[in-house]
């Protein structure tokens, strides 16, 4: 009986430990999530997830830009919930303090004395179809030329035009 009880306790503890693990099922290493099956609201597999993110600060989370981290978390949550990748379209408008993660490795080293810690995450996001547009008004204000940008972002006339255009196309605003 004692052995049986020990096995039950170990199984219970193992399942509880498993439930406590953070995972990154779509964007490996970024945007950690915990998945819960028995909650009131889950992503709806019948819906298309067309989302527009406004990334405007240089605040970091887990060593990368917090806005990029949130996109990774969104992709992880949608993916673990069974939302097909063709039902997910994510666009981001980058401006303000966040403009500097758009720098290429060389320019980032010149400005900060170290490489751009966001490049790996940017590459992973682009591989999932995320479109990242940097505001040309912001780059101009910071004396950043197009040649200074990394390959994962594209210049747009303004973040305002990106945000307006995509919301008018029916994308949901994600602050």
N, C-alpha and C. Protein backbone atom coordinates (compact mmCIF):
# COMPACT_ATOMS: atom_id res chain seq x y z
N UNK A 1 0.82 -1.20 0.00
CA UNK A 1 0.00 0.00 0.00
C UNK A 1 0.86 1.26 0.00
N UNK A 2 1.93 1.24 0.78
CA UNK A 2 2.82 2.38 0.87
C UNK A 2 3.44 2.67 -0.51
N UNK A 3 3.85 1.61 -1.23
CA UNK A 3 4.44 1.77 -2.56
C UNK A 3 3.42 2.35 -3.53
N UNK A 4 2.19 1.88 -3.48
CA UNK A 4 1.11 2.38 -4.33
C UNK A 4 0.87 3.86 -4.07
N UNK A 5 0.81 4.24 -2.80
CA UNK A 5 0.60 5.63 -2.43
C UNK A 5 1.76 6.51 -2.91
N UNK A 6 2.98 6.02 -2.80
CA UNK A 6 4.15 6.76 -3.28
C UNK A 6 4.08 6.99 -4.78
N UNK A 7 3.65 5.99 -5.51
CA UNK A 7 3.52 6.12 -6.97
C UNK A 7 2.47 7.16 -7.31
N UNK A 8 1.34 7.12 -6.64
CA UNK A 8 0.27 8.10 -6.88
C UNK A 8 0.77 9.52 -6.60
N UNK A 9 1.46 9.70 -5.51
CA UNK A 9 2.00 11.02 -5.15
C UNK A 9 3.00 11.49 -6.20
N UNK A 10 3.89 10.61 -6.64
CA UNK A 10 4.86 10.99 -7.67
C UNK A 10 4.18 11.36 -8.98
N UNK A 11 3.17 10.59 -9.38
CA UNK A 11 2.44 10.91 -10.61
C UNK A 11 1.75 12.26 -10.49
N UNK A 12 1.11 12.51 -9.34
CA UNK A 12 0.45 13.79 -9.13
C UNK A 12 1.45 14.94 -9.17
N UNK A 13 2.57 14.79 -8.48
CA UNK A 13 3.59 15.84 -8.47
C UNK A 13 4.16 16.06 -9.86
N UNK A 14 4.36 14.98 -10.60
CA UNK A 14 4.88 15.10 -11.96
C UNK A 14 3.92 15.86 -12.85
N UNK A 15 2.62 15.59 -12.73
CA UNK A 15 1.65 16.30 -13.55
C UNK A 15 1.58 17.77 -13.15
N UNK A 16 1.72 18.05 -11.86
CA UNK A 16 1.71 19.43 -11.40
C UNK A 16 2.95 20.18 -11.88
N UNK A 17 4.09 19.51 -11.86
CA UNK A 17 5.32 20.14 -12.35
C UNK A 17 5.21 20.41 -13.83
N UNK A 18 4.66 19.49 -14.58
CA UNK A 18 4.48 19.67 -16.03
C UNK A 18 3.59 20.88 -16.30
N UNK A 19 2.53 21.03 -15.50
CA UNK A 19 1.61 22.14 -15.69
C UNK A 19 2.28 23.49 -15.42
N UNK A 20 3.39 23.48 -14.68
CA UNK A 20 4.07 24.72 -14.31
C UNK A 20 5.18 25.11 -15.28
N UNK A 21 5.42 24.30 -16.28
CA UNK A 21 6.54 24.59 -17.20
C UNK A 21 6.17 25.68 -18.20
N UNK A 22 7.12 26.55 -18.43
CA UNK A 22 6.99 27.57 -19.47
C UNK A 22 7.48 26.95 -20.77
N UNK A 23 6.86 27.33 -21.88
CA UNK A 23 7.27 26.78 -23.17
C UNK A 23 7.24 27.84 -24.26
N UNK A 24 7.95 27.55 -25.33
CA UNK A 24 8.00 28.43 -26.50
C UNK A 24 7.82 27.55 -27.74
N UNK A 25 6.61 27.10 -28.01
CA UNK A 25 6.38 26.09 -29.05
C UNK A 25 6.53 26.56 -30.49
N UNK A 26 6.37 27.83 -30.76
CA UNK A 26 6.45 28.33 -32.14
C UNK A 26 7.70 29.16 -32.35
N UNK A 27 7.93 30.12 -31.47
CA UNK A 27 9.10 30.99 -31.55
C UNK A 27 10.09 30.52 -30.48
N UNK A 28 10.94 29.61 -30.86
CA UNK A 28 11.82 28.91 -29.93
C UNK A 28 12.68 29.87 -29.11
N UNK A 29 12.48 29.82 -27.79
CA UNK A 29 13.30 30.61 -26.87
C UNK A 29 12.76 31.98 -26.52
N UNK A 30 11.65 32.40 -27.12
CA UNK A 30 11.12 33.75 -26.90
C UNK A 30 9.61 33.73 -26.68
N UNK A 31 9.13 34.64 -25.83
CA UNK A 31 7.69 34.77 -25.61
C UNK A 31 7.08 33.61 -24.85
N UNK A 32 7.71 33.27 -23.72
CA UNK A 32 7.29 32.11 -22.93
C UNK A 32 5.80 32.16 -22.58
N UNK A 33 5.17 30.98 -22.62
CA UNK A 33 3.77 30.85 -22.23
C UNK A 33 3.59 29.61 -21.36
N UNK A 34 2.49 29.58 -20.66
CA UNK A 34 1.99 28.37 -20.01
C UNK A 34 0.62 28.11 -20.63
N UNK A 35 0.41 26.89 -21.08
CA UNK A 35 -0.87 26.57 -21.72
C UNK A 35 -1.81 25.94 -20.71
N UNK A 36 -3.03 26.41 -20.68
CA UNK A 36 -4.07 25.88 -19.81
C UNK A 36 -5.25 25.45 -20.68
N UNK A 37 -5.59 24.18 -20.62
CA UNK A 37 -6.70 23.66 -21.43
C UNK A 37 -8.07 24.05 -20.88
N UNK A 38 -8.19 24.05 -19.57
CA UNK A 38 -9.50 24.26 -18.94
C UNK A 38 -9.67 25.69 -18.46
N UNK A 39 -9.81 26.60 -19.42
CA UNK A 39 -10.06 28.00 -19.10
C UNK A 39 -11.30 28.46 -19.87
N UNK A 40 -11.86 29.57 -19.48
CA UNK A 40 -13.13 30.03 -20.05
C UNK A 40 -13.00 30.46 -21.51
N UNK A 41 -11.88 31.03 -21.90
CA UNK A 41 -11.73 31.53 -23.27
C UNK A 41 -10.42 31.02 -23.85
N UNK A 42 -10.50 30.45 -25.03
CA UNK A 42 -9.35 29.99 -25.81
C UNK A 42 -9.39 30.69 -27.16
N UNK A 43 -8.26 30.78 -27.87
CA UNK A 43 -8.33 31.26 -29.25
C UNK A 43 -9.29 30.39 -30.06
N UNK A 44 -10.01 31.02 -30.97
CA UNK A 44 -11.04 30.35 -31.77
C UNK A 44 -10.46 29.92 -33.11
N UNK A 45 -10.44 28.62 -33.36
CA UNK A 45 -9.86 28.07 -34.59
C UNK A 45 -10.61 28.51 -35.84
N UNK A 46 -11.83 29.00 -35.69
CA UNK A 46 -12.63 29.43 -36.84
C UNK A 46 -12.28 30.85 -37.27
N UNK A 47 -11.58 31.58 -36.43
CA UNK A 47 -11.28 32.99 -36.73
C UNK A 47 -9.94 33.16 -37.43
N UNK A 48 -9.83 34.26 -38.18
CA UNK A 48 -8.55 34.70 -38.72
C UNK A 48 -8.00 35.73 -37.74
N UNK A 49 -6.72 35.62 -37.42
CA UNK A 49 -6.08 36.52 -36.48
C UNK A 49 -5.20 37.50 -37.25
N UNK A 50 -5.80 38.64 -37.63
CA UNK A 50 -5.10 39.72 -38.31
C UNK A 50 -4.85 40.80 -37.27
N UNK A 51 -3.59 40.93 -36.86
CA UNK A 51 -3.24 41.78 -35.72
C UNK A 51 -2.19 42.81 -36.11
N UNK A 52 -2.37 44.04 -35.63
CA UNK A 52 -1.40 45.11 -35.85
C UNK A 52 -0.88 45.57 -34.48
N UNK A 53 0.44 45.45 -34.29
CA UNK A 53 1.09 45.83 -33.04
C UNK A 53 1.73 47.20 -33.19
N UNK A 54 1.65 48.00 -32.14
CA UNK A 54 2.28 49.31 -32.06
C UNK A 54 3.48 49.19 -31.11
N UNK A 55 4.69 49.16 -31.68
CA UNK A 55 5.90 49.00 -30.86
C UNK A 55 6.62 50.34 -30.83
N UNK A 56 6.65 50.96 -29.63
CA UNK A 56 7.18 52.32 -29.56
C UNK A 56 8.15 52.59 -28.43
N UNK A 57 8.46 51.57 -27.61
CA UNK A 57 9.41 51.82 -26.53
C UNK A 57 10.62 50.89 -26.65
N UNK A 58 11.68 51.28 -25.97
CA UNK A 58 12.88 50.44 -25.97
C UNK A 58 12.92 49.51 -24.76
N UNK A 59 11.81 49.42 -24.04
CA UNK A 59 11.73 48.53 -22.88
C UNK A 59 12.02 47.09 -23.30
N UNK A 60 12.79 46.38 -22.46
CA UNK A 60 13.17 45.00 -22.79
C UNK A 60 12.51 44.00 -21.87
N UNK A 61 12.39 42.80 -22.38
CA UNK A 61 11.92 41.65 -21.59
C UNK A 61 12.74 40.46 -22.03
N UNK A 62 13.33 39.79 -21.10
CA UNK A 62 14.19 38.62 -21.38
C UNK A 62 15.28 38.95 -22.40
N UNK A 63 15.81 40.20 -22.34
CA UNK A 63 16.94 40.59 -23.16
C UNK A 63 16.63 41.07 -24.56
N UNK A 64 15.33 41.15 -24.92
CA UNK A 64 14.93 41.64 -26.24
C UNK A 64 13.84 42.69 -26.08
N UNK A 65 13.54 43.39 -27.15
CA UNK A 65 12.50 44.41 -27.11
C UNK A 65 11.18 43.79 -26.66
N UNK A 66 10.52 44.44 -25.71
CA UNK A 66 9.28 43.90 -25.15
C UNK A 66 8.17 43.75 -26.20
N UNK A 67 8.09 44.66 -27.15
CA UNK A 67 7.08 44.56 -28.20
C UNK A 67 7.28 43.32 -29.07
N UNK A 68 8.53 43.05 -29.42
CA UNK A 68 8.84 41.84 -30.20
C UNK A 68 8.54 40.60 -29.37
N UNK A 69 8.87 40.67 -28.07
CA UNK A 69 8.60 39.56 -27.16
C UNK A 69 7.09 39.26 -27.12
N UNK A 70 6.26 40.32 -27.09
CA UNK A 70 4.80 40.14 -27.07
C UNK A 70 4.30 39.48 -28.35
N UNK A 71 4.90 39.83 -29.47
CA UNK A 71 4.51 39.17 -30.72
C UNK A 71 4.87 37.70 -30.66
N UNK A 72 6.06 37.39 -30.15
CA UNK A 72 6.46 35.99 -30.00
C UNK A 72 5.50 35.25 -29.08
N UNK A 73 5.12 35.87 -27.98
CA UNK A 73 4.17 35.25 -27.05
C UNK A 73 2.82 35.02 -27.74
N UNK A 74 2.37 35.98 -28.51
CA UNK A 74 1.11 35.83 -29.24
C UNK A 74 1.17 34.64 -30.18
N UNK A 75 2.24 34.54 -30.95
CA UNK A 75 2.40 33.41 -31.86
C UNK A 75 2.46 32.08 -31.11
N UNK A 76 3.14 32.06 -29.97
CA UNK A 76 3.20 30.84 -29.17
C UNK A 76 1.82 30.45 -28.64
N UNK A 77 1.05 31.42 -28.15
CA UNK A 77 -0.28 31.12 -27.63
C UNK A 77 -1.23 30.65 -28.73
N UNK A 78 -1.18 31.31 -29.86
CA UNK A 78 -2.05 30.90 -30.96
C UNK A 78 -1.65 29.52 -31.47
N UNK A 79 -0.35 29.29 -31.59
CA UNK A 79 0.14 28.01 -32.10
C UNK A 79 -0.20 26.85 -31.19
N UNK A 80 0.02 27.01 -29.89
CA UNK A 80 -0.27 25.92 -28.95
C UNK A 80 -1.77 25.66 -28.87
N UNK A 81 -2.57 26.66 -29.22
CA UNK A 81 -4.03 26.52 -29.21
C UNK A 81 -4.57 25.89 -30.49
N UNK A 82 -3.68 25.60 -31.44
CA UNK A 82 -4.09 24.92 -32.66
C UNK A 82 -4.55 25.84 -33.78
N UNK A 83 -4.24 27.13 -33.69
CA UNK A 83 -4.59 28.05 -34.77
C UNK A 83 -3.60 27.83 -35.91
N UNK A 84 -4.11 27.54 -37.09
CA UNK A 84 -3.26 27.28 -38.25
C UNK A 84 -2.49 28.54 -38.63
N UNK A 85 -1.24 28.38 -39.03
CA UNK A 85 -0.39 29.54 -39.35
C UNK A 85 -0.98 30.39 -40.47
N UNK A 86 -1.71 29.77 -41.40
CA UNK A 86 -2.31 30.57 -42.49
C UNK A 86 -3.47 31.44 -41.99
N UNK A 87 -3.91 31.25 -40.76
CA UNK A 87 -4.97 32.08 -40.18
C UNK A 87 -4.40 33.21 -39.33
N UNK A 88 -3.07 33.35 -39.33
CA UNK A 88 -2.41 34.37 -38.51
C UNK A 88 -1.64 35.32 -39.41
N UNK A 89 -1.98 36.60 -39.32
CA UNK A 89 -1.24 37.65 -40.03
C UNK A 89 -0.93 38.74 -39.01
N UNK A 90 0.36 38.96 -38.81
CA UNK A 90 0.79 39.95 -37.82
C UNK A 90 1.67 40.99 -38.49
N UNK A 91 1.36 42.25 -38.19
CA UNK A 91 2.11 43.40 -38.70
C UNK A 91 2.48 44.25 -37.49
N UNK A 92 3.64 44.89 -37.55
CA UNK A 92 4.05 45.79 -36.46
C UNK A 92 4.53 47.11 -37.03
N UNK A 93 4.11 48.19 -36.36
CA UNK A 93 4.61 49.54 -36.65
C UNK A 93 5.64 49.86 -35.58
N UNK A 94 6.86 50.15 -36.00
CA UNK A 94 7.98 50.39 -35.09
C UNK A 94 8.35 51.88 -35.14
N UNK A 95 8.39 52.52 -33.97
CA UNK A 95 8.75 53.95 -33.93
C UNK A 95 9.19 54.30 -32.52
N UNK A 96 9.43 55.57 -32.29
CA UNK A 96 9.85 56.03 -30.97
C UNK A 96 11.14 55.36 -30.52
N UNK A 97 11.22 55.04 -29.24
CA UNK A 97 12.40 54.41 -28.68
C UNK A 97 12.71 53.05 -29.27
N UNK A 98 11.70 52.38 -29.80
CA UNK A 98 11.89 51.06 -30.40
C UNK A 98 12.64 51.11 -31.72
N UNK A 99 12.75 52.29 -32.31
CA UNK A 99 13.38 52.44 -33.62
C UNK A 99 14.77 51.81 -33.66
N UNK A 100 15.48 51.85 -32.55
CA UNK A 100 16.87 51.40 -32.55
C UNK A 100 17.04 49.89 -32.70
N UNK A 101 16.00 49.08 -32.43
CA UNK A 101 16.17 47.65 -32.68
C UNK A 101 16.15 47.35 -34.18
N UNK A 102 15.79 48.34 -34.97
CA UNK A 102 15.81 48.19 -36.42
C UNK A 102 17.21 48.34 -37.01
N UNK A 103 18.17 48.73 -36.18
CA UNK A 103 19.55 48.90 -36.66
C UNK A 103 20.19 47.57 -37.02
N UNK A 104 21.07 47.62 -38.03
CA UNK A 104 21.84 46.41 -38.36
C UNK A 104 22.92 46.22 -37.30
N UNK A 105 23.60 45.11 -37.37
CA UNK A 105 24.60 44.75 -36.36
C UNK A 105 25.68 45.82 -36.21
N UNK A 106 26.22 46.29 -37.32
CA UNK A 106 27.30 47.28 -37.28
C UNK A 106 26.86 48.59 -36.63
N UNK A 107 25.73 49.11 -37.06
CA UNK A 107 25.25 50.39 -36.51
C UNK A 107 24.85 50.26 -35.04
N UNK A 108 24.31 49.09 -34.69
CA UNK A 108 23.95 48.87 -33.30
C UNK A 108 25.21 48.85 -32.42
N UNK A 109 26.28 48.21 -32.92
CA UNK A 109 27.55 48.19 -32.18
C UNK A 109 28.11 49.60 -32.03
N UNK A 110 28.02 50.40 -33.09
CA UNK A 110 28.51 51.78 -33.03
C UNK A 110 27.76 52.59 -31.97
N UNK A 111 26.45 52.39 -31.89
CA UNK A 111 25.63 53.18 -30.97
C UNK A 111 25.72 52.66 -29.53
N UNK A 112 25.67 51.32 -29.37
CA UNK A 112 25.57 50.74 -28.02
C UNK A 112 26.81 49.97 -27.56
N UNK A 113 27.78 49.79 -28.43
CA UNK A 113 28.98 49.05 -28.06
C UNK A 113 28.78 47.55 -27.99
N UNK A 114 27.68 47.07 -28.51
CA UNK A 114 27.39 45.62 -28.55
C UNK A 114 26.48 45.32 -29.73
N UNK A 115 26.43 44.06 -30.10
CA UNK A 115 25.57 43.65 -31.21
C UNK A 115 24.10 43.81 -30.87
N UNK A 116 23.27 43.73 -31.88
CA UNK A 116 21.83 43.88 -31.73
C UNK A 116 21.23 42.59 -31.15
N UNK A 117 20.76 42.60 -29.91
CA UNK A 117 20.24 41.39 -29.28
C UNK A 117 18.90 40.92 -29.84
N UNK A 118 18.30 41.73 -30.70
CA UNK A 118 16.98 41.41 -31.26
C UNK A 118 17.04 40.66 -32.59
N UNK A 119 18.22 40.55 -33.19
CA UNK A 119 18.30 40.00 -34.55
C UNK A 119 17.80 38.56 -34.66
N UNK A 120 18.14 37.71 -33.70
CA UNK A 120 17.67 36.32 -33.77
C UNK A 120 16.15 36.26 -33.70
N UNK A 121 15.57 37.02 -32.77
CA UNK A 121 14.11 37.04 -32.64
C UNK A 121 13.47 37.64 -33.89
N UNK A 122 14.04 38.69 -34.43
CA UNK A 122 13.51 39.28 -35.66
C UNK A 122 13.50 38.25 -36.79
N UNK A 123 14.56 37.49 -36.90
CA UNK A 123 14.65 36.44 -37.93
C UNK A 123 13.55 35.40 -37.74
N UNK A 124 13.34 34.97 -36.50
CA UNK A 124 12.30 33.97 -36.22
C UNK A 124 10.91 34.53 -36.52
N UNK A 125 10.67 35.77 -36.16
CA UNK A 125 9.37 36.39 -36.44
C UNK A 125 9.13 36.49 -37.94
N UNK A 126 10.13 36.93 -38.67
CA UNK A 126 9.99 37.03 -40.14
C UNK A 126 9.73 35.65 -40.75
N UNK A 127 10.36 34.62 -40.21
CA UNK A 127 10.15 33.26 -40.74
C UNK A 127 8.71 32.80 -40.53
N UNK A 128 8.00 33.44 -39.60
CA UNK A 128 6.59 33.13 -39.37
C UNK A 128 5.67 34.11 -40.11
N UNK A 129 6.25 34.95 -40.96
CA UNK A 129 5.45 35.86 -41.77
C UNK A 129 5.14 37.20 -41.14
N UNK A 130 5.71 37.49 -39.98
CA UNK A 130 5.46 38.79 -39.33
C UNK A 130 6.10 39.89 -40.18
N UNK A 131 5.31 40.94 -40.46
CA UNK A 131 5.80 42.09 -41.22
C UNK A 131 6.11 43.22 -40.24
N UNK A 132 7.34 43.74 -40.31
CA UNK A 132 7.79 44.79 -39.41
C UNK A 132 8.15 46.03 -40.21
N UNK A 133 7.44 47.13 -39.92
CA UNK A 133 7.67 48.38 -40.63
C UNK A 133 8.19 49.43 -39.65
N UNK A 134 9.33 50.02 -39.99
CA UNK A 134 9.90 51.07 -39.15
C UNK A 134 9.52 52.43 -39.73
N UNK A 135 9.17 53.34 -38.86
CA UNK A 135 8.73 54.67 -39.23
C UNK A 135 9.90 55.50 -39.78
N UNK A 136 9.78 55.97 -41.00
CA UNK A 136 10.84 56.79 -41.60
C UNK A 136 10.93 58.17 -40.95
N UNK A 137 9.85 58.62 -40.33
CA UNK A 137 9.92 59.88 -39.59
C UNK A 137 10.82 59.70 -38.37
N UNK A 138 10.70 58.55 -37.71
CA UNK A 138 11.53 58.26 -36.54
C UNK A 138 12.98 58.02 -36.93
N UNK A 139 13.20 57.27 -38.00
CA UNK A 139 14.60 57.03 -38.41
C UNK A 139 15.25 58.36 -38.80
N UNK A 140 14.52 59.21 -39.50
CA UNK A 140 15.08 60.51 -39.88
C UNK A 140 15.39 61.36 -38.65
N UNK A 141 14.52 61.33 -37.67
CA UNK A 141 14.73 62.11 -36.44
C UNK A 141 15.97 61.64 -35.68
N UNK A 142 16.33 60.37 -35.86
CA UNK A 142 17.50 59.80 -35.17
C UNK A 142 18.71 59.66 -36.10
N UNK A 143 18.66 60.31 -37.26
CA UNK A 143 19.75 60.27 -38.24
C UNK A 143 20.12 58.83 -38.65
N UNK A 144 19.10 57.99 -38.82
CA UNK A 144 19.30 56.60 -39.27
C UNK A 144 18.92 56.54 -40.74
N UNK A 145 19.84 56.06 -41.54
CA UNK A 145 19.58 55.91 -42.97
C UNK A 145 19.10 54.49 -43.26
N UNK A 146 18.44 54.30 -44.40
CA UNK A 146 17.94 52.98 -44.76
C UNK A 146 19.05 51.93 -44.76
N UNK A 147 20.26 52.32 -45.15
CA UNK A 147 21.38 51.37 -45.19
C UNK A 147 21.80 50.92 -43.79
N UNK A 148 21.35 51.64 -42.75
CA UNK A 148 21.67 51.29 -41.36
C UNK A 148 20.70 50.27 -40.77
N UNK A 149 19.64 49.95 -41.52
CA UNK A 149 18.60 49.05 -41.01
C UNK A 149 18.97 47.59 -41.23
N UNK A 150 18.47 46.73 -40.34
CA UNK A 150 18.68 45.29 -40.53
C UNK A 150 17.71 44.77 -41.60
N UNK A 151 17.92 43.55 -42.03
CA UNK A 151 17.14 42.98 -43.14
C UNK A 151 15.74 42.53 -42.75
N UNK A 152 15.36 42.64 -41.49
CA UNK A 152 14.08 42.11 -41.04
C UNK A 152 12.99 43.17 -40.92
N UNK A 153 13.36 44.44 -41.12
CA UNK A 153 12.39 45.53 -41.08
C UNK A 153 12.36 46.23 -42.43
N UNK A 154 11.22 46.87 -42.70
CA UNK A 154 11.08 47.65 -43.93
C UNK A 154 10.68 49.08 -43.56
N UNK A 155 11.23 50.06 -44.26
CA UNK A 155 10.82 51.44 -43.96
C UNK A 155 9.40 51.71 -44.46
N UNK A 156 8.67 52.48 -43.68
CA UNK A 156 7.33 52.96 -44.05
C UNK A 156 7.37 54.48 -43.92
N UNK A 157 6.48 55.16 -44.60
CA UNK A 157 6.44 56.62 -44.50
C UNK A 157 6.33 57.04 -43.03
N UNK A 158 5.44 56.37 -42.31
CA UNK A 158 5.27 56.68 -40.88
C UNK A 158 4.61 55.51 -40.18
N UNK A 159 4.80 55.47 -38.88
CA UNK A 159 4.09 54.47 -38.07
C UNK A 159 2.60 54.76 -38.12
N UNK A 160 2.25 56.04 -38.16
CA UNK A 160 0.83 56.42 -38.22
C UNK A 160 0.16 55.85 -39.46
N UNK A 161 0.85 55.88 -40.59
CA UNK A 161 0.23 55.35 -41.82
C UNK A 161 0.10 53.83 -41.74
N UNK A 162 1.07 53.16 -41.15
CA UNK A 162 0.98 51.70 -41.00
C UNK A 162 -0.20 51.35 -40.09
N UNK A 163 -0.28 52.01 -38.94
CA UNK A 163 -1.35 51.73 -37.99
C UNK A 163 -2.73 52.02 -38.59
N UNK A 164 -2.87 53.14 -39.27
CA UNK A 164 -4.16 53.49 -39.87
C UNK A 164 -4.52 52.53 -41.00
N UNK A 165 -3.58 52.30 -41.92
CA UNK A 165 -3.87 51.44 -43.07
C UNK A 165 -4.33 50.05 -42.65
N UNK A 166 -3.61 49.44 -41.72
CA UNK A 166 -3.95 48.07 -41.35
C UNK A 166 -5.23 47.99 -40.51
N UNK A 167 -5.49 49.00 -39.68
CA UNK A 167 -6.76 48.99 -38.95
C UNK A 167 -7.93 49.18 -39.91
N UNK A 168 -7.74 50.02 -40.92
CA UNK A 168 -8.81 50.20 -41.91
C UNK A 168 -9.03 48.96 -42.75
N UNK A 169 -8.00 48.09 -42.83
CA UNK A 169 -8.13 46.80 -43.53
C UNK A 169 -8.72 45.72 -42.62
N UNK A 170 -9.06 46.08 -41.39
CA UNK A 170 -9.71 45.15 -40.49
C UNK A 170 -8.79 44.46 -39.48
N UNK A 171 -7.53 44.86 -39.41
CA UNK A 171 -6.61 44.29 -38.43
C UNK A 171 -6.98 44.82 -37.04
N UNK A 172 -6.83 43.98 -36.04
CA UNK A 172 -7.12 44.35 -34.66
C UNK A 172 -5.88 45.00 -34.06
N UNK A 173 -6.08 46.18 -33.43
CA UNK A 173 -4.98 46.92 -32.82
C UNK A 173 -4.55 46.25 -31.52
N UNK A 174 -3.26 45.99 -31.41
CA UNK A 174 -2.66 45.38 -30.22
C UNK A 174 -1.66 46.40 -29.65
N UNK A 175 -2.04 47.12 -28.58
CA UNK A 175 -1.14 48.15 -28.04
C UNK A 175 0.10 47.55 -27.40
